[in-house]
Amino acid sequence: MQKSVIMVIMGIVILVGGIGASIFMGQDTPAPVIKPQQSETEKTEIIPPTFDVVRVNRKGNAVMAGRAHPGSTVEVLDGENIFGTVTTDSHGEWVFVPDRILEIGEHKLGLRMLLGDNDPVLSDHIVLMRVPERGQDALALKVQRDGDGPSEVLQKPGPATAADGTALSIDSVDYGTGGLSIGGRSEPSSQVRIYIDNNFIGVTEANEKGNWTLSPLLEIAPGKYKLRADQVDNNAKVINRVEIPFQRDKINDTAGLKPGSFVVVQPGNSLWRLARRTYGSGVHYHDIYEANSDQIRDANLIYPGQIFRLPKN
């Protein structure tokens, strides 16, 4: 008859005897839990690709930058074609300087991110760009891929500053599906207060790139106003100020105009949406802009009630 022997080694009780051996873990030594390894993409949420900077100089040379998931491959798309490819760094940032110029004409720039075995991820936004004749400034407009929401001016003719040379500007006034949206530029992280006819309507803060937006919850009756932006310091003292005319017209008389040759701007309209509805593509927004340049101060500044001529495309 074989005897059992009990040994205690490092807090583990080992019973030797009979057939084989049994191991019992002491109370002070919990049994290890083995978990399956997770890939990096399973541990963290996938960060989609975005545009932060798109600029083209007067010679057609471009520089683009943005963010995406760290270590991913980002394809810059020009329409459906791949214009270039770049890899993000460990912070998820990328910079792309193409070795060829952007051709004169209209471009619809998008992003497609490739990350391991995951499905390709498209950017939520696209950039509509018009590259003019050499020696002229390009115009780049960042819009949501589905056409909703406010737009953002990434590049416009001339410096992105106010008329008096300050680093404060009102760049866009858009009646999107969510109501009035106002956007512009200021010193990064600065506070901006917005007024209509000296009536305070809201305050916002510029991001680290100097862009700010405000979507106040208010209705504006037809009429002429002054839209003002004040950059203030921590003591609410005004540092910079810029003011532009703001007009919301009544629906004008359209008698005598041929149907299909004009459009009456309604809340929710933008040049990009009008061009997409009229010509089937938002990249033709500049056609409406050029045909109505006497009414449009800026490609983003259109107002309900205005009547725009629709040139044949």
Protein backbone atom coordinates (compact mmCIF):
# COMPACT_ATOMS: atom_id res chain seq x y z
CA MET A 1 0.00 0.00 0.00
CA GLN A 2 1.54 3.23 -1.15
CA LYS A 3 1.50 6.10 1.35
CA SER A 4 0.64 9.68 0.53
CA VAL A 5 3.16 12.38 1.25
CA ILE A 6 2.19 16.00 1.76
CA MET A 7 4.76 18.62 0.81
CA VAL A 8 4.42 22.39 1.09
CA ILE A 9 6.54 24.30 -1.38
CA MET A 10 6.27 28.12 -1.73
CA GLY A 11 2.73 28.11 -0.36
CA ILE A 12 1.60 25.36 -2.78
CA VAL A 13 0.33 22.16 -1.23
CA ILE A 14 1.37 19.11 -3.24
CA LEU A 15 -0.18 15.74 -2.36
CA VAL A 16 1.96 12.92 -3.69
CA GLY A 17 0.66 9.39 -3.49
CA GLY A 18 -1.72 6.99 -5.00
CA ILE A 19 -1.93 7.55 -8.68
CA GLY A 20 -0.18 10.69 -9.92
CA ALA A 21 -0.09 13.91 -7.95
CA SER A 22 -2.55 16.66 -7.04
CA ILE A 23 -1.74 20.36 -6.68
CA PHE A 24 -3.74 22.65 -4.40
CA MET A 25 -3.19 26.38 -4.42
CA GLY A 26 -2.97 28.00 -1.02
CA GLN A 27 -5.39 30.77 -0.07
CA ASP A 28 -2.67 33.41 -0.43
CA THR A 29 -1.89 32.39 -4.01
CA PRO A 30 -4.91 32.90 -6.32
CA ALA A 31 -5.08 30.83 -9.48
CA PRO A 32 -3.87 32.75 -12.54
CA VAL A 33 -6.44 33.89 -15.09
CA ILE A 34 -5.37 33.56 -18.69
CA LYS A 35 -7.01 35.97 -21.15
CA PRO A 36 -6.72 35.94 -24.92
CA GLN A 37 -4.48 38.63 -26.33
CA GLN A 38 -6.16 41.63 -27.99
CA SER A 39 -4.87 43.39 -31.02
CA GLU A 40 -4.12 47.12 -30.84
CA THR A 41 -7.20 47.96 -32.93
CA GLU A 42 -9.43 45.96 -30.52
CA LYS A 43 -8.13 47.81 -27.47
CA THR A 44 -8.81 51.31 -28.74
CA GLU A 45 -11.52 52.92 -30.80
CA ILE A 46 -10.57 53.42 -34.44
CA ILE A 47 -9.99 57.10 -35.25
CA PRO A 48 -11.38 58.05 -38.70
CA PRO A 49 -9.36 60.22 -41.10
CA THR A 50 -9.87 63.99 -41.19
CA PHE A 51 -8.58 67.01 -43.08
CA ASP A 52 -7.18 69.87 -40.99
CA VAL A 53 -5.20 71.78 -43.63
CA VAL A 54 -5.56 71.98 -47.41
CA ARG A 55 -3.70 74.76 -49.17
CA VAL A 56 -2.59 75.30 -52.76
CA ASN A 57 -0.24 78.12 -53.72
CA ARG A 58 -0.49 80.16 -56.90
CA LYS A 59 1.77 77.73 -58.75
CA GLY A 60 -0.47 74.76 -58.00
CA ASN A 61 1.74 73.20 -55.32
CA ALA A 62 -0.29 71.73 -52.47
CA VAL A 63 0.17 70.83 -48.83
CA MET A 64 -2.36 68.80 -46.86
CA ALA A 65 -2.43 67.65 -43.27
CA GLY A 66 -4.79 65.98 -40.88
CA ARG A 67 -5.33 63.15 -38.43
CA ALA A 68 -6.24 59.47 -38.51
CA HIS A 69 -5.59 56.32 -36.49
CA PRO A 70 -1.92 56.01 -35.43
CA GLY A 71 0.09 53.78 -37.75
CA SER A 72 -2.58 53.68 -40.44
CA THR A 73 -2.26 54.29 -44.17
CA VAL A 74 -4.23 57.25 -45.52
CA GLU A 75 -5.12 57.55 -49.19
CA VAL A 76 -5.84 61.06 -50.47
CA LEU A 77 -8.58 60.79 -53.08
CA ASP A 78 -9.23 63.20 -55.93
CA GLY A 79 -12.72 62.14 -56.92
CA GLU A 80 -12.50 58.35 -57.19
CA ASN A 81 -8.77 58.33 -57.98
CA ILE A 82 -5.91 57.99 -55.49
CA PHE A 83 -3.92 61.24 -55.58
CA GLY A 84 -1.37 60.13 -52.99
CA THR A 85 -0.69 57.93 -49.96
CA VAL A 86 0.75 58.78 -46.56
CA THR A 87 1.30 56.99 -43.23
CA THR A 88 0.31 58.50 -39.89
CA ASP A 89 2.81 58.85 -37.07
CA SER A 90 2.46 57.52 -33.50
CA HIS A 91 0.19 60.48 -32.64
CA GLY A 92 -2.09 59.85 -35.60
CA GLU A 93 -0.97 62.95 -37.47
CA TRP A 94 -0.10 63.04 -41.17
CA VAL A 95 1.29 65.57 -43.64
CA PHE A 96 1.16 65.10 -47.40
CA VAL A 97 3.13 67.21 -49.89
CA PRO A 98 2.38 65.79 -53.36
CA ASP A 99 5.18 65.64 -55.91
CA ARG A 100 2.81 66.82 -58.65
CA ILE A 101 0.67 69.93 -58.88
CA LEU A 102 -3.10 70.04 -58.71
CA GLU A 103 -4.48 70.65 -62.18
CA ILE A 104 -6.52 73.77 -62.92
CA GLY A 105 -10.21 73.10 -62.36
CA GLU A 106 -12.52 71.59 -59.77
CA HIS A 107 -11.48 68.89 -57.33
CA LYS A 108 -13.36 66.84 -54.75
CA LEU A 109 -10.81 65.66 -52.21
CA GLY A 110 -11.53 62.87 -49.76
CA LEU A 111 -9.68 60.45 -47.50
CA ARG A 112 -9.70 56.66 -47.19
CA MET A 113 -7.93 55.01 -44.26
CA LEU A 114 -6.52 51.47 -44.32
CA LEU A 115 -5.80 49.80 -40.97
CA GLY A 116 -4.86 46.11 -40.72
CA ASP A 117 -7.70 43.75 -41.58
CA ASN A 118 -10.37 46.37 -40.90
CA ASP A 119 -12.64 47.63 -43.66
CA PRO A 120 -11.47 50.89 -45.32
CA VAL A 121 -12.76 53.99 -43.51
CA LEU A 122 -13.83 57.08 -45.48
CA SER A 123 -13.57 60.59 -44.05
CA ASP A 124 -16.84 62.15 -42.89
CA HIS A 125 -15.89 65.35 -44.73
CA ILE A 126 -14.68 66.15 -48.22
CA VAL A 127 -12.90 69.26 -49.47
CA LEU A 128 -14.29 71.01 -52.53
CA MET A 129 -11.48 72.92 -54.21
CA ARG A 130 -11.30 75.13 -57.23
CA VAL A 131 -7.79 75.67 -58.60
CA PRO A 132 -7.86 78.78 -60.83
CA GLU A 133 -5.40 79.96 -63.45
CA ARG A 134 -1.80 80.06 -62.26
CA GLY A 135 -1.04 83.18 -60.28
CA GLN A 136 -4.48 83.27 -58.62
CA ASP A 137 -5.60 82.09 -55.21
CA ALA A 138 -7.46 78.78 -54.82
CA LEU A 139 -10.69 78.32 -52.88
CA ALA A 140 -11.14 75.28 -50.62
CA LEU A 141 -14.36 74.48 -48.77
CA LYS A 142 -14.66 71.63 -46.23
CA VAL A 143 -18.17 70.12 -46.15
CA GLN A 144 -19.75 66.99 -44.76
CA ARG A 145 -19.86 64.14 -47.23
CA ASP A 146 -23.68 63.97 -47.03
CA GLY A 147 -24.02 67.74 -47.57
CA ASP A 148 -25.55 68.50 -44.16
CA GLY A 149 -24.18 70.78 -41.48
CA PRO A 150 -22.12 73.97 -41.74
CA SER A 151 -19.15 74.29 -44.06
CA GLU A 152 -15.63 75.45 -43.17
CA VAL A 153 -13.39 77.60 -45.32
CA LEU A 154 -9.89 76.06 -45.40
CA GLN A 155 -8.51 78.46 -48.01
CA LYS A 156 -9.92 81.54 -49.67
CA PRO A 157 -8.48 84.25 -51.92
CA GLY A 158 -6.31 86.64 -49.98
CA PRO A 159 -5.14 86.33 -46.37
CA ALA A 160 -7.47 84.74 -43.84
CA THR A 161 -7.72 87.91 -41.77
CA ALA A 162 -10.15 90.75 -41.29
CA ALA A 163 -10.14 93.71 -43.64
CA ASP A 164 -8.24 95.90 -41.18
CA GLY A 165 -5.40 93.38 -40.92
CA THR A 166 -6.32 91.88 -37.54
CA ALA A 167 -6.28 88.14 -36.95
CA LEU A 168 -10.07 88.09 -36.56
CA SER A 169 -12.58 87.38 -39.30
CA ILE A 170 -16.13 86.28 -40.04
CA ASP A 171 -15.79 83.77 -42.87
CA SER A 172 -19.17 82.06 -43.15
CA VAL A 173 -22.85 82.56 -42.44
CA ASP A 174 -24.83 79.43 -43.26
CA TYR A 175 -28.46 78.48 -42.78
CA GLY A 176 -27.96 74.74 -42.33
CA THR A 177 -30.56 72.16 -41.35
CA GLY A 178 -29.84 72.93 -37.71
CA GLY A 179 -30.40 76.67 -38.07
CA LEU A 180 -28.05 79.62 -38.32
CA SER A 181 -24.33 78.85 -38.18
CA ILE A 182 -21.61 81.50 -38.13
CA GLY A 183 -17.90 80.74 -38.48
CA GLY A 184 -14.58 82.52 -38.69
CA ARG A 185 -11.03 82.78 -37.43
CA SER A 186 -9.34 84.29 -34.41
CA GLU A 187 -6.27 83.79 -32.27
CA PRO A 188 -6.05 80.11 -31.19
CA SER A 189 -7.97 79.38 -27.95
CA SER A 190 -9.30 82.95 -27.79
CA GLN A 191 -12.86 83.84 -26.78
CA VAL A 192 -15.14 85.39 -29.41
CA ARG A 193 -18.44 87.16 -28.66
CA ILE A 194 -21.01 87.58 -31.45
CA TYR A 195 -23.53 90.41 -31.83
CA ILE A 196 -26.30 91.29 -34.29
CA ASP A 197 -27.06 95.02 -34.28
CA ASN A 198 -25.20 95.29 -30.95
CA ASN A 199 -27.42 92.60 -29.42
CA PHE A 200 -25.38 89.80 -27.88
CA ILE A 201 -26.32 86.39 -29.37
CA GLY A 202 -23.61 84.09 -28.06
CA VAL A 203 -20.00 83.37 -27.18
CA THR A 204 -17.62 80.73 -28.53
CA GLU A 205 -13.94 79.80 -28.37
CA ALA A 206 -11.47 79.34 -31.21
CA ASN A 207 -9.79 75.95 -31.38
CA GLU A 208 -6.05 75.34 -31.44
CA LYS A 209 -5.98 76.18 -35.16
CA GLY A 210 -7.84 79.47 -34.71
CA ASN A 211 -11.21 78.36 -36.16
CA TRP A 212 -14.44 79.19 -34.36
CA THR A 213 -18.14 78.49 -34.97
CA LEU A 214 -21.38 79.54 -33.30
CA SER A 215 -24.88 78.16 -33.89
CA PRO A 216 -27.26 80.38 -31.88
CA LEU A 217 -30.84 79.25 -31.31
CA LEU A 218 -32.72 82.25 -32.66
CA GLU A 219 -34.91 83.31 -35.58
CA ILE A 220 -33.92 86.36 -37.61
CA ALA A 221 -36.69 88.37 -39.25
CA PRO A 222 -36.13 89.72 -42.78
CA GLY A 223 -34.12 92.92 -42.74
CA LYS A 224 -30.66 94.44 -42.74
CA TYR A 225 -28.35 94.00 -39.78
CA LYS A 226 -24.75 94.35 -38.70
CA LEU A 227 -23.02 91.14 -37.67
CA ARG A 228 -20.12 91.74 -35.28
CA ALA A 229 -17.46 89.56 -33.71
CA ASP A 230 -15.38 90.69 -30.72
CA GLN A 231 -12.27 88.88 -29.57
CA VAL A 232 -11.95 89.41 -25.81
CA ASP A 233 -9.35 88.65 -23.16
CA ASN A 234 -9.88 86.91 -19.81
CA ASN A 235 -11.29 90.16 -18.38
CA ALA A 236 -13.83 90.51 -21.23
CA LYS A 237 -11.87 93.43 -22.67
CA VAL A 238 -12.19 93.74 -26.45
CA ILE A 239 -8.88 93.03 -28.22
CA ASN A 240 -10.04 92.83 -31.84
CA ARG A 241 -13.31 93.58 -33.59
CA VAL A 242 -14.69 92.91 -37.06
CA GLU A 243 -18.12 93.78 -38.47
CA ILE A 244 -19.88 92.90 -41.73
CA PRO A 245 -23.32 93.68 -43.23
CA PHE A 246 -25.85 90.95 -42.63
CA GLN A 247 -29.01 90.83 -44.69
CA ARG A 248 -31.99 88.51 -44.69
CA ASP A 249 -34.32 89.55 -47.48
CA LYS A 250 -37.98 88.89 -48.07
CA ILE A 251 -38.85 86.69 -51.01
CA ASN A 252 -38.50 89.03 -53.96
CA ASP A 253 -40.86 89.24 -56.91
CA THR A 254 -39.86 86.66 -59.50
CA ALA A 255 -42.46 87.59 -62.12
CA GLY A 256 -41.05 87.53 -65.63
CA LEU A 257 -38.18 85.18 -64.79
CA LYS A 258 -38.09 81.92 -66.74
CA PRO A 259 -38.61 78.85 -64.54
CA GLY A 260 -35.36 77.00 -64.01
CA SER A 261 -33.23 80.10 -64.70
CA PHE A 262 -33.16 81.25 -61.08
CA VAL A 263 -33.39 80.04 -57.51
CA VAL A 264 -34.69 81.76 -54.38
CA VAL A 265 -32.37 81.07 -51.46
CA GLN A 266 -34.14 79.36 -48.59
CA PRO A 267 -33.01 78.56 -45.04
CA GLY A 268 -30.85 75.46 -45.25
CA ASN A 269 -29.35 76.45 -48.61
CA SER A 270 -25.67 76.91 -49.36
CA LEU A 271 -23.94 77.35 -52.70
CA TRP A 272 -22.72 73.76 -52.51
CA ARG A 273 -26.23 72.40 -51.91
CA LEU A 274 -27.72 74.58 -54.65
CA ALA A 275 -25.10 73.40 -57.14
CA ARG A 276 -25.63 69.75 -56.20
CA ARG A 277 -29.39 70.09 -56.68
CA THR A 278 -29.10 72.10 -59.92
CA TYR A 279 -26.13 70.47 -61.66
CA GLY A 280 -25.87 67.16 -59.86
CA SER A 281 -22.51 68.01 -58.27
CA GLY A 282 -21.57 70.43 -55.51
CA VAL A 283 -18.21 71.18 -57.13
CA HIS A 284 -20.03 73.53 -59.54
CA TYR A 285 -20.89 75.95 -56.72
CA HIS A 286 -18.42 78.44 -58.23
CA ASP A 287 -20.62 78.72 -61.38
CA ILE A 288 -23.47 80.14 -59.28
CA TYR A 289 -21.00 82.28 -57.35
CA GLU A 290 -19.50 83.86 -60.47
CA ALA A 291 -22.91 84.46 -62.09
CA ASN A 292 -24.09 86.31 -59.00
CA SER A 293 -20.88 87.95 -57.79
CA ASP A 294 -22.70 91.29 -57.58
CA GLN A 295 -24.80 89.86 -54.72
CA ILE A 296 -22.34 87.51 -53.03
CA ARG A 297 -19.62 89.08 -50.91
CA ASP A 298 -18.17 85.69 -49.97
CA ALA A 299 -18.81 82.14 -51.21
CA ASN A 300 -20.19 81.27 -47.76
CA LEU A 301 -22.27 84.40 -47.25
CA ILE A 302 -25.67 83.87 -48.83
CA TYR A 303 -28.98 84.82 -47.27
CA PRO A 304 -32.57 83.54 -47.44
CA GLY A 305 -34.63 85.56 -49.90
CA GLN A 306 -31.82 86.28 -52.36
CA ILE A 307 -32.47 85.40 -56.01
CA PHE A 308 -29.57 83.83 -57.90
CA ARG A 309 -29.27 83.36 -61.62
CA LEU A 310 -28.54 79.76 -62.62
CA PRO A 311 -26.17 79.69 -65.60
CA LYS A 312 -26.36 76.79 -68.02
CA ASN A 313 -23.74 74.20 -67.23
